[in-house]
PDB file of N, CA and C in Angstrom:
ATOM      1  N   UNK A   1       1.467  11.936 -12.684  1.00  0.00           N
ATOM      2  CA  UNK A   1       0.430  11.236 -12.443  1.00  0.00           C
ATOM      3  C   UNK A   1      -0.059  11.407 -10.880  1.00  0.00           C
ATOM      4  N   UNK A   2      -1.477  11.507 -10.642  1.00  0.00           N
ATOM      5  CA  UNK A   2      -1.860  11.551  -9.186  1.00  0.00           C
ATOM      6  C   UNK A   2      -1.891  10.420  -8.913  1.00  0.00           C
ATOM      7  N   UNK A   3      -1.294  10.448  -7.275  1.00  0.00           N
ATOM      8  CA  UNK A   3      -1.327   9.200  -6.505  1.00  0.00           C
ATOM      9  C   UNK A   3      -2.812   8.376  -6.176  1.00  0.00           C
ATOM     10  N   UNK A   4      -3.927   9.404  -6.427  1.00  0.00           N
ATOM     11  CA  UNK A   4      -5.148   8.803  -6.266  1.00  0.00           C
ATOM     12  C   UNK A   4      -5.705   7.806  -7.355  1.00  0.00           C
ATOM     13  N   UNK A   5      -4.821   8.169  -8.457  1.00  0.00           N
ATOM     14  CA  UNK A   5      -5.359   7.585  -9.606  1.00  0.00           C
ATOM     15  C   UNK A   5      -5.021   5.896  -9.474  1.00  0.00           C
ATOM     16  N   UNK A   6      -3.948   5.763  -8.646  1.00  0.00           N
ATOM     17  CA  UNK A   6      -3.452   4.521  -8.602  1.00  0.00           C
ATOM     18  C   UNK A   6      -3.694   3.689  -7.680  1.00  0.00           C
ATOM     19  N   UNK A   7      -3.874   4.147  -6.286  1.00  0.00           N
ATOM     20  CA  UNK A   7      -4.356   3.475  -4.913  1.00  0.00           C
ATOM     21  C   UNK A   7      -5.474   4.625  -4.418  1.00  0.00           C
ATOM     22  N   UNK A   8      -6.250   4.120  -4.022  1.00  0.00           N
ATOM     23  CA  UNK A   8      -7.629   4.921  -3.058  1.00  0.00           C
ATOM     24  C   UNK A   8      -7.932   4.492  -1.777  1.00  0.00           C
ATOM     25  N   UNK A   9      -8.459   5.046  -0.983  1.00  0.00           N
ATOM     26  CA  UNK A   9      -8.923   4.795   0.332  1.00  0.00           C
ATOM     27  C   UNK A   9      -9.735   3.527  -0.023  1.00  0.00           C
ATOM     28  N   UNK A  10      -9.841   2.725   1.138  1.00  0.00           N
ATOM     29  CA  UNK A  10     -10.239   1.315   1.339  1.00  0.00           C
ATOM     30  C   UNK A  10      -9.434   0.174   0.271  1.00  0.00           C
ATOM     31  N   UNK A  11      -8.833   0.823  -0.550  1.00  0.00           N
ATOM     32  CA  UNK A  11      -8.036  -0.255  -1.184  1.00  0.00           C
ATOM     33  C   UNK A  11      -7.269  -1.180  -0.098  1.00  0.00           C
ATOM     34  N   UNK A  12      -6.794  -2.471  -0.481  1.00  0.00           N
ATOM     35  CA  UNK A  12      -6.001  -3.507   0.194  1.00  0.00           C
ATOM     36  C   UNK A  12      -4.660  -3.872  -0.513  1.00  0.00           C
ATOM     37  N   UNK A  13      -3.764  -3.663  -0.078  1.00  0.00           N
ATOM     38  CA  UNK A  13      -2.374  -3.865  -0.838  1.00  0.00           C
ATOM     39  C   UNK A  13      -1.700  -4.823  -0.204  1.00  0.00           C
ATOM     40  N   UNK A  14      -1.463  -5.887  -1.152  1.00  0.00           N
ATOM     41  CA  UNK A  14      -0.540  -6.943  -0.403  1.00  0.00           C
ATOM     42  C   UNK A  14       1.043  -6.920  -1.059  1.00  0.00           C
ATOM     43  N   UNK A  15       1.758  -6.172  -0.422  1.00  0.00           N
ATOM     44  CA  UNK A  15       2.900  -5.910  -0.694  1.00  0.00           C
ATOM     45  C   UNK A  15       4.101  -6.778  -0.481  1.00  0.00           C
ATOM     46  N   UNK A  16       4.849  -6.983  -1.290  1.00  0.00           N
ATOM     47  CA  UNK A  16       6.210  -7.709  -1.176  1.00  0.00           C
ATOM     48  C   UNK A  16       7.105  -6.593  -0.262  1.00  0.00           C
ATOM     49  N   UNK A  17       8.161  -7.195   0.616  1.00  0.00           N
ATOM     50  CA  UNK A  17       9.258  -6.579   1.039  1.00  0.00           C
ATOM     51  C   UNK A  17       9.769  -5.341   0.274  1.00  0.00           C
ATOM     52  N   UNK A  18       9.992  -5.783  -1.130  1.00  0.00           N
ATOM     53  CA  UNK A  18      10.806  -5.174  -1.800  1.00  0.00           C
ATOM     54  C   UNK A  18      10.023  -3.776  -2.418  1.00  0.00           C
ATOM     55  N   UNK A  19       8.644  -3.974  -2.181  1.00  0.00           N
ATOM     56  CA  UNK A  19       7.799  -2.747  -2.650  1.00  0.00           C
ATOM     57  C   UNK A  19       7.191  -1.959  -1.955  1.00  0.00           C
ATOM     58  N   UNK A  20       7.953  -1.670  -0.822  1.00  0.00           N
ATOM     59  CA  UNK A  20       7.480  -0.692   0.448  1.00  0.00           C
ATOM     60  C   UNK A  20       8.790  -0.366   1.238  1.00  0.00           C
ATOM     61  N   UNK A  21       8.852   0.834   1.677  1.00  0.00           N
ATOM     62  CA  UNK A  21       9.898   1.492   2.438  1.00  0.00           C
ATOM     63  C   UNK A  21       9.466   1.747   3.751  1.00  0.00           C
ATOM     64  N   UNK A  22       9.530   1.272   4.627  1.00  0.00           N
ATOM     65  CA  UNK A  22      10.728   0.839   5.361  1.00  0.00           C
ATOM     66  C   UNK A  22      10.303  -0.221   6.329  1.00  0.00           C
ATOM     67  N   UNK A  23      10.459  -1.784   5.919  1.00  0.00           N
ATOM     68  CA  UNK A  23       9.885  -2.518   6.703  1.00  0.00           C
ATOM     69  C   UNK A  23      10.790  -3.886   6.466  1.00  0.00           C
ATOM     70  N   UNK A  24      10.497  -5.132   7.124  1.00  0.00           N
ATOM     71  CA  UNK A  24      10.804  -6.316   6.844  1.00  0.00           C
ATOM     72  C   UNK A  24       9.574  -7.209   6.663  1.00  0.00           C
ATOM     73  N   UNK A  25       9.630  -7.929   5.673  1.00  0.00           N
ATOM     74  CA  UNK A  25       8.613  -9.038   5.265  1.00  0.00           C
ATOM     75  C   UNK A  25       7.280  -8.773   4.376  1.00  0.00           C
ATOM     76  N   UNK A  26       6.675  -9.326   4.058  1.00  0.00           N
ATOM     77  CA  UNK A  26       5.665  -8.882   3.580  1.00  0.00           C
ATOM     78  C   UNK A  26       4.546  -7.945   4.068  1.00  0.00           C
ATOM     79  N   UNK A  27       3.515  -7.158   3.474  1.00  0.00           N
ATOM     80  CA  UNK A  27       2.493  -6.505   4.322  1.00  0.00           C
ATOM     81  C   UNK A  27       1.534  -6.448   3.772  1.00  0.00           C
ATOM     82  N   UNK A  28       0.383  -6.381   4.520  1.00  0.00           N
ATOM     83  CA  UNK A  28      -0.974  -6.167   3.643  1.00  0.00           C
ATOM     84  C   UNK A  28      -1.632  -5.040   4.241  1.00  0.00           C
ATOM     85  N   UNK A  29      -1.822  -3.884   3.738  1.00  0.00           N
ATOM     86  CA  UNK A  29      -2.277  -2.768   4.099  1.00  0.00           C
ATOM     87  C   UNK A  29      -3.762  -2.326   3.573  1.00  0.00           C
ATOM     88  N   UNK A  30      -4.525  -2.167   4.670  1.00  0.00           N
ATOM     89  CA  UNK A  30      -5.833  -1.377   4.241  1.00  0.00           C
ATOM     90  C   UNK A  30      -5.665   0.233   4.105  1.00  0.00           C
ATOM     91  N   UNK A  31      -5.752   0.752   3.006  1.00  0.00           N
ATOM     92  CA  UNK A  31      -5.423   2.299   2.789  1.00  0.00           C
ATOM     93  C   UNK A  31      -6.463   2.999   3.358  1.00  0.00           C
ATOM     94  N   UNK A  32      -5.958   3.655   4.079  1.00  0.00           N
ATOM     95  CA  UNK A  32      -6.645   5.068   4.776  1.00  0.00           C
ATOM     96  C   UNK A  32      -6.616   6.257   3.841  1.00  0.00           C
ATOM     97  N   UNK A  33      -5.330   6.760   3.388  1.00  0.00           N
ATOM     98  CA  UNK A  33      -4.806   7.938   2.972  1.00  0.00           C
ATOM     99  C   UNK A  33      -3.797   7.666   1.872  1.00  0.00           C
ATOM    100  N   UNK A  34      -3.710   8.574   0.942  1.00  0.00           N
ATOM    101  CA  UNK A  34      -2.847   8.533   0.024  1.00  0.00           C
ATOM    102  C   UNK A  34      -2.278  10.099  -0.136  1.00  0.00           C
ATOM    103  N   UNK A  35      -1.113   9.828   0.232  1.00  0.00           N
ATOM    104  CA  UNK A  35      -0.475  11.371   0.268  1.00  0.00           C
ATOM    105  C   UNK A  35       0.108  12.148  -0.763  1.00  0.00           C
ATOM    106  N   UNK A  36       1.178  11.626  -1.259  1.00  0.00           N
ATOM    107  CA  UNK A  36       2.071  12.243  -2.436  1.00  0.00           C
ATOM    108  C   UNK A  36       2.866  11.421  -2.971  1.00  0.00           C
ATOM    109  N   UNK A  37       3.162  11.441  -4.233  1.00  0.00           N
ATOM    110  CA  UNK A  37       4.292  10.709  -5.016  1.00  0.00           C
ATOM    111  C   UNK A  37       5.622  11.411  -4.858  1.00  0.00           C
ATOM    112  N   UNK A  38       6.571  10.529  -4.571  1.00  0.00           N
ATOM    113  CA  UNK A  38       7.894  11.052  -4.312  1.00  0.00           C
ATOM    114  C   UNK A  38       8.864  10.409  -5.223  1.00  0.00           C
ATOM    115  N   UNK A  39       9.671  11.089  -6.122  1.00  0.00           N
ATOM    116  CA  UNK A  39      10.788  10.240  -6.869  1.00  0.00           C
ATOM    117  C   UNK A  39      12.206  10.112  -6.044  1.00  0.00           C
ATOM    118  N   UNK A  40      12.493   8.857  -6.122  1.00  0.00           N
ATOM    119  CA  UNK A  40      13.506   8.382  -5.514  1.00  0.00           C
ATOM    120  C   UNK A  40      14.496   7.824  -6.905  1.00  0.00           C
ATOM    121  N   UNK A  41      15.733   7.428  -6.487  1.00  0.00           N
ATOM    122  CA  UNK A  41      16.492   7.158  -7.502  1.00  0.00           C
ATOM    123  C   UNK A  41      16.131   5.739  -8.115  1.00  0.00           C
ATOM    124  N   UNK A  42      15.478   4.909  -7.503  1.00  0.00           N
ATOM    125  CA  UNK A  42      15.041   3.638  -8.196  1.00  0.00           C
ATOM    126  C   UNK A  42      13.561   3.938  -8.727  1.00  0.00           C
ATOM    127  N   UNK A  43      12.952   5.115  -8.858  1.00  0.00           N
ATOM    128  CA  UNK A  43      11.558   5.169  -9.430  1.00  0.00           C
ATOM    129  C   UNK A  43      10.730   6.005  -8.569  1.00  0.00           C
ATOM    130  N   UNK A  44       9.350   6.002  -8.996  1.00  0.00           N
ATOM    131  CA  UNK A  44       8.301   6.669  -8.518  1.00  0.00           C
ATOM    132  C   UNK A  44       7.699   5.947  -7.090  1.00  0.00           C
ATOM    133  N   UNK A  45       7.418   6.342  -5.853  1.00  0.00           N
ATOM    134  CA  UNK A  45       7.039   5.854  -4.875  1.00  0.00           C
ATOM    135  C   UNK A  45       5.801   6.863  -4.391  1.00  0.00           C
ATOM    136  N   UNK A  46       4.673   6.307  -3.769  1.00  0.00           N
ATOM    137  CA  UNK A  46       3.627   7.120  -3.115  1.00  0.00           C
ATOM    138  C   UNK A  46       3.650   6.694  -1.789  1.00  0.00           C
ATOM    139  N   UNK A  47       3.246   7.842  -0.977  1.00  0.00           N
ATOM    140  CA  UNK A  47       3.469   7.878   0.526  1.00  0.00           C
ATOM    141  C   UNK A  47       1.958   7.499   0.909  1.00  0.00           C
ATOM    142  N   UNK A  48       1.604   6.185   1.632  1.00  0.00           N
ATOM    143  CA  UNK A  48       0.345   5.635   2.032  1.00  0.00           C
ATOM    144  C   UNK A  48       0.179   5.770   3.429  1.00  0.00           C
ATOM    145  N   UNK A  49      -1.041   6.038   3.963  1.00  0.00           N
ATOM    146  CA  UNK A  49      -1.248   5.691   5.555  1.00  0.00           C
ATOM    147  C   UNK A  49      -2.341   4.500   5.496  1.00  0.00           C
ATOM    148  N   UNK A  50      -2.027   3.837   6.404  1.00  0.00           N
ATOM    149  CA  UNK A  50      -3.067   2.885   6.553  1.00  0.00           C
ATOM    150  C   UNK A  50      -3.257   1.943   7.949  1.00  0.00           C
ATOM    151  N   UNK A  51      -3.521   0.546   7.598  1.00  0.00           N
ATOM    152  CA  UNK A  51      -3.682  -0.044   8.941  1.00  0.00           C
ATOM    153  C   UNK A  51      -3.357  -1.655   8.240  1.00  0.00           C
ATOM    154  N   UNK A  52      -1.963  -2.004   8.909  1.00  0.00           N
ATOM    155  CA  UNK A  52      -1.882  -3.410   8.764  1.00  0.00           C
ATOM    156  C   UNK A  52      -2.653  -4.385   9.152  1.00  0.00           C
ATOM    157  N   UNK A  53      -3.026  -5.298   8.409  1.00  0.00           N
ATOM    158  CA  UNK A  53      -4.028  -6.517   8.442  1.00  0.00           C
ATOM    159  C   UNK A  53      -3.183  -7.804   8.688  1.00  0.00           C
ATOM    160  N   UNK A  54      -3.552  -8.430   9.589  1.00  0.00           N
ATOM    161  CA  UNK A  54      -2.922  -9.722   9.832  1.00  0.00           C
ATOM    162  C   UNK A  54      -3.203 -10.768   8.867  1.00  0.00           C
ATOM    163  N   UNK A  55      -2.776 -12.060   8.964  1.00  0.00           N
ATOM    164  CA  UNK A  55      -2.972 -13.019   7.875  1.00  0.00           C
ATOM    165  C   UNK A  55      -4.526 -13.436   7.595  1.00  0.00           C
ATOM    166  N   UNK A  56      -5.449 -13.167   8.466  1.00  0.00           N
ATOM    167  CA  UNK A  56      -6.746 -13.572   8.245  1.00  0.00           C
ATOM    168  C   UNK A  56      -7.646 -12.400   8.108  1.00  0.00           C
ATOM    169  N   UNK A  57      -6.822 -11.066   7.927  1.00  0.00           N
ATOM    170  CA  UNK A  57      -7.777  -9.642   7.452  1.00  0.00           C
ATOM    171  C   UNK A  57      -8.025  -9.062   8.664  1.00  0.00           C
ATOM    172  N   UNK A  58      -7.760  -9.251  10.195  1.00  0.00           N
ATOM    173  CA  UNK A  58      -7.710  -8.378  11.147  1.00  0.00           C
ATOM    174  C   UNK A  58      -7.229  -7.022  11.155  1.00  0.00           C
ATOM    175  N   UNK A  59      -7.540  -6.029  11.435  1.00  0.00           N
ATOM    176  CA  UNK A  59      -6.714  -4.968  11.415  1.00  0.00           C
ATOM    177  C   UNK A  59      -5.641  -5.122  12.734  1.00  0.00           C
ATOM    178  N   UNK A  60      -4.546  -4.615  12.583  1.00  0.00           N
ATOM    179  CA  UNK A  60      -3.543  -4.479  13.675  1.00  0.00           C
ATOM    180  C   UNK A  60      -2.851  -3.417  14.160  1.00  0.00           C
ATOM    181  N   UNK A  61      -2.164  -2.780  13.335  1.00  0.00           N
ATOM    182  CA  UNK A  61      -1.442  -1.256  13.690  1.00  0.00           C
ATOM    183  C   UNK A  61      -1.580  -0.377  12.694  1.00  0.00           C
ATOM    184  N   UNK A  62      -1.541   0.963  12.876  1.00  0.00           N
ATOM    185  CA  UNK A  62      -1.156   1.750  11.829  1.00  0.00           C
ATOM    186  C   UNK A  62       0.142   1.897  11.127  1.00  0.00           C
ATOM    187  N   UNK A  63       0.351   2.100   9.934  1.00  0.00           N
ATOM    188  CA  UNK A  63       1.524   2.120   9.174  1.00  0.00           C
ATOM    189  C   UNK A  63       1.415   3.254   8.214  1.00  0.00           C
ATOM    190  N   UNK A  64       2.551   3.852   8.341  1.00  0.00           N
ATOM    191  CA  UNK A  64       3.025   4.940   7.118  1.00  0.00           C
ATOM    192  C   UNK A  64       4.227   4.418   6.231  1.00  0.00           C
ATOM    193  N   UNK A  65       3.981   4.217   4.884  1.00  0.00           N
ATOM    194  CA  UNK A  65       4.856   3.760   4.199  1.00  0.00           C
ATOM    195  C   UNK A  65       4.923   4.438   2.669  1.00  0.00           C
ATOM    196  N   UNK A  66       6.137   4.041   2.109  1.00  0.00           N
ATOM    197  CA  UNK A  66       6.301   4.376   0.969  1.00  0.00           C
ATOM    198  C   UNK A  66       6.016   3.297  -0.131  1.00  0.00           C
ATOM    199  N   UNK A  67       5.153   3.299  -0.992  1.00  0.00           N
ATOM    200  CA  UNK A  67       5.082   1.957  -1.895  1.00  0.00           C
ATOM    201  C   UNK A  67       5.579   2.316  -3.189  1.00  0.00           C
ATOM    202  N   UNK A  68       6.134   1.466  -3.921  1.00  0.00           N
ATOM    203  CA  UNK A  68       6.539   1.547  -5.120  1.00  0.00           C
ATOM    204  C   UNK A  68       5.368   1.415  -6.193  1.00  0.00           C
ATOM    205  N   UNK A  69       5.403   2.698  -6.969  1.00  0.00           N
ATOM    206  CA  UNK A  69       4.126   2.727  -7.589  1.00  0.00           C
ATOM    207  C   UNK A  69       3.860   1.909  -8.744  1.00  0.00           C
ATOM    208  N   UNK A  70       4.873   1.348  -9.392  1.00  0.00           N
ATOM    209  CA  UNK A  70       4.938   0.185 -10.395  1.00  0.00           C
ATOM    210  C   UNK A  70       4.496  -1.026  -9.916  1.00  0.00           C
ATOM    211  N   UNK A  71       4.308  -1.174  -8.492  1.00  0.00           N
ATOM    212  CA  UNK A  71       3.774  -2.693  -7.864  1.00  0.00           C
ATOM    213  C   UNK A  71       2.446  -2.542  -7.651  1.00  0.00           C
ATOM    214  N   UNK A  72       2.021  -1.273  -7.372  1.00  0.00           N
ATOM    215  CA  UNK A  72       0.267  -1.097  -7.079  1.00  0.00           C
ATOM    216  C   UNK A  72      -0.667  -1.947  -7.819  1.00  0.00           C
ATOM    217  N   UNK A  73      -0.518  -1.931  -9.039  1.00  0.00           N
ATOM    218  CA  UNK A  73      -1.622  -2.597  -9.681  1.00  0.00           C
ATOM    219  C   UNK A  73      -1.681  -3.828  -9.478  1.00  0.00           C
ATOM    220  N   UNK A  74      -0.341  -4.913  -9.153  1.00  0.00           N
ATOM    221  CA  UNK A  74      -0.538  -5.978  -8.957  1.00  0.00           C
ATOM    222  C   UNK A  74      -0.684  -6.213  -7.473  1.00  0.00           C
ATOM    223  N   UNK A  75      -0.521  -5.621  -6.565  1.00  0.00           N
ATOM    224  CA  UNK A  75      -0.690  -5.608  -5.384  1.00  0.00           C
ATOM    225  C   UNK A  75      -1.942  -5.212  -4.776  1.00  0.00           C
ATOM    226  N   UNK A  76      -3.077  -4.663  -5.441  1.00  0.00           N
ATOM    227  CA  UNK A  76      -4.291  -4.381  -4.987  1.00  0.00           C
ATOM    228  C   UNK A  76      -5.175  -5.407  -4.928  1.00  0.00           C
ATOM    229  N   UNK A  77      -5.862  -5.682  -3.555  1.00  0.00           N
ATOM    230  CA  UNK A  77      -6.696  -7.094  -3.503  1.00  0.00           C
ATOM    231  C   UNK A  77      -8.176  -6.296  -3.072  1.00  0.00           C
ATOM    232  N   UNK A  78      -9.142  -6.887  -3.258  1.00  0.00           N
ATOM    233  CA  UNK A  78     -10.538  -6.299  -3.100  1.00  0.00           C
ATOM    234  C   UNK A  78     -10.670  -7.040  -1.756  1.00  0.00           C
ATOM    235  N   UNK A  79     -11.297  -6.028  -0.997  1.00  0.00           N
ATOM    236  CA  UNK A  79     -11.646  -6.198   0.346  1.00  0.00           C
ATOM    237  C   UNK A  79     -12.540  -7.311   0.279  1.00  0.00           C
ATOM    238  N   UNK A  80     -12.587  -8.151   1.598  1.00  0.00           N
ATOM    239  CA  UNK A  80     -13.418  -9.231   1.793  1.00  0.00           C
ATOM    240  C   UNK A  80     -15.100  -8.851   1.359  1.00  0.00           C
ATOM    241  N   UNK A  81     -15.777  -9.742   0.655  1.00  0.00           N
ATOM    242  CA  UNK A  81     -16.985  -9.416   0.202  1.00  0.00           C
ATOM    243  C   UNK A  81     -17.252  -8.850  -0.918  1.00  0.00           C
ATOM    244  N   UNK A  82     -16.086  -8.245  -1.747  1.00  0.00           N
ATOM    245  CA  UNK A  82     -16.167  -7.347  -3.120  1.00  0.00           C
ATOM    246  C   UNK A  82     -15.854  -8.215  -4.014  1.00  0.00           C
ATOM    247  N   UNK A  83     -16.125  -7.978  -5.312  1.00  0.00           N
ATOM    248  CA  UNK A  83     -15.821  -8.726  -6.664  1.00  0.00           C
ATOM    249  C   UNK A  83     -14.374  -8.229  -6.637  1.00  0.00           C
TER     250      UNK A  83
END
């Protein structure tokens, strides 16, 4: 499966701590780039670059994370103002 078929630039991901590596707590990420899929012992993960958003949606710091592919459909949020 192509990673771009699951998540794309401009998507906002609201991730639980268990659904991304390596960090602590939940993460809201505005996706800038979708890199590649990696198979780990616990399943398929996609390498994503983006910008962490704070609780009110303001951009904070750049992040590079592995995101559990199975979690992505439920994690995608529409950017503010989009249906």
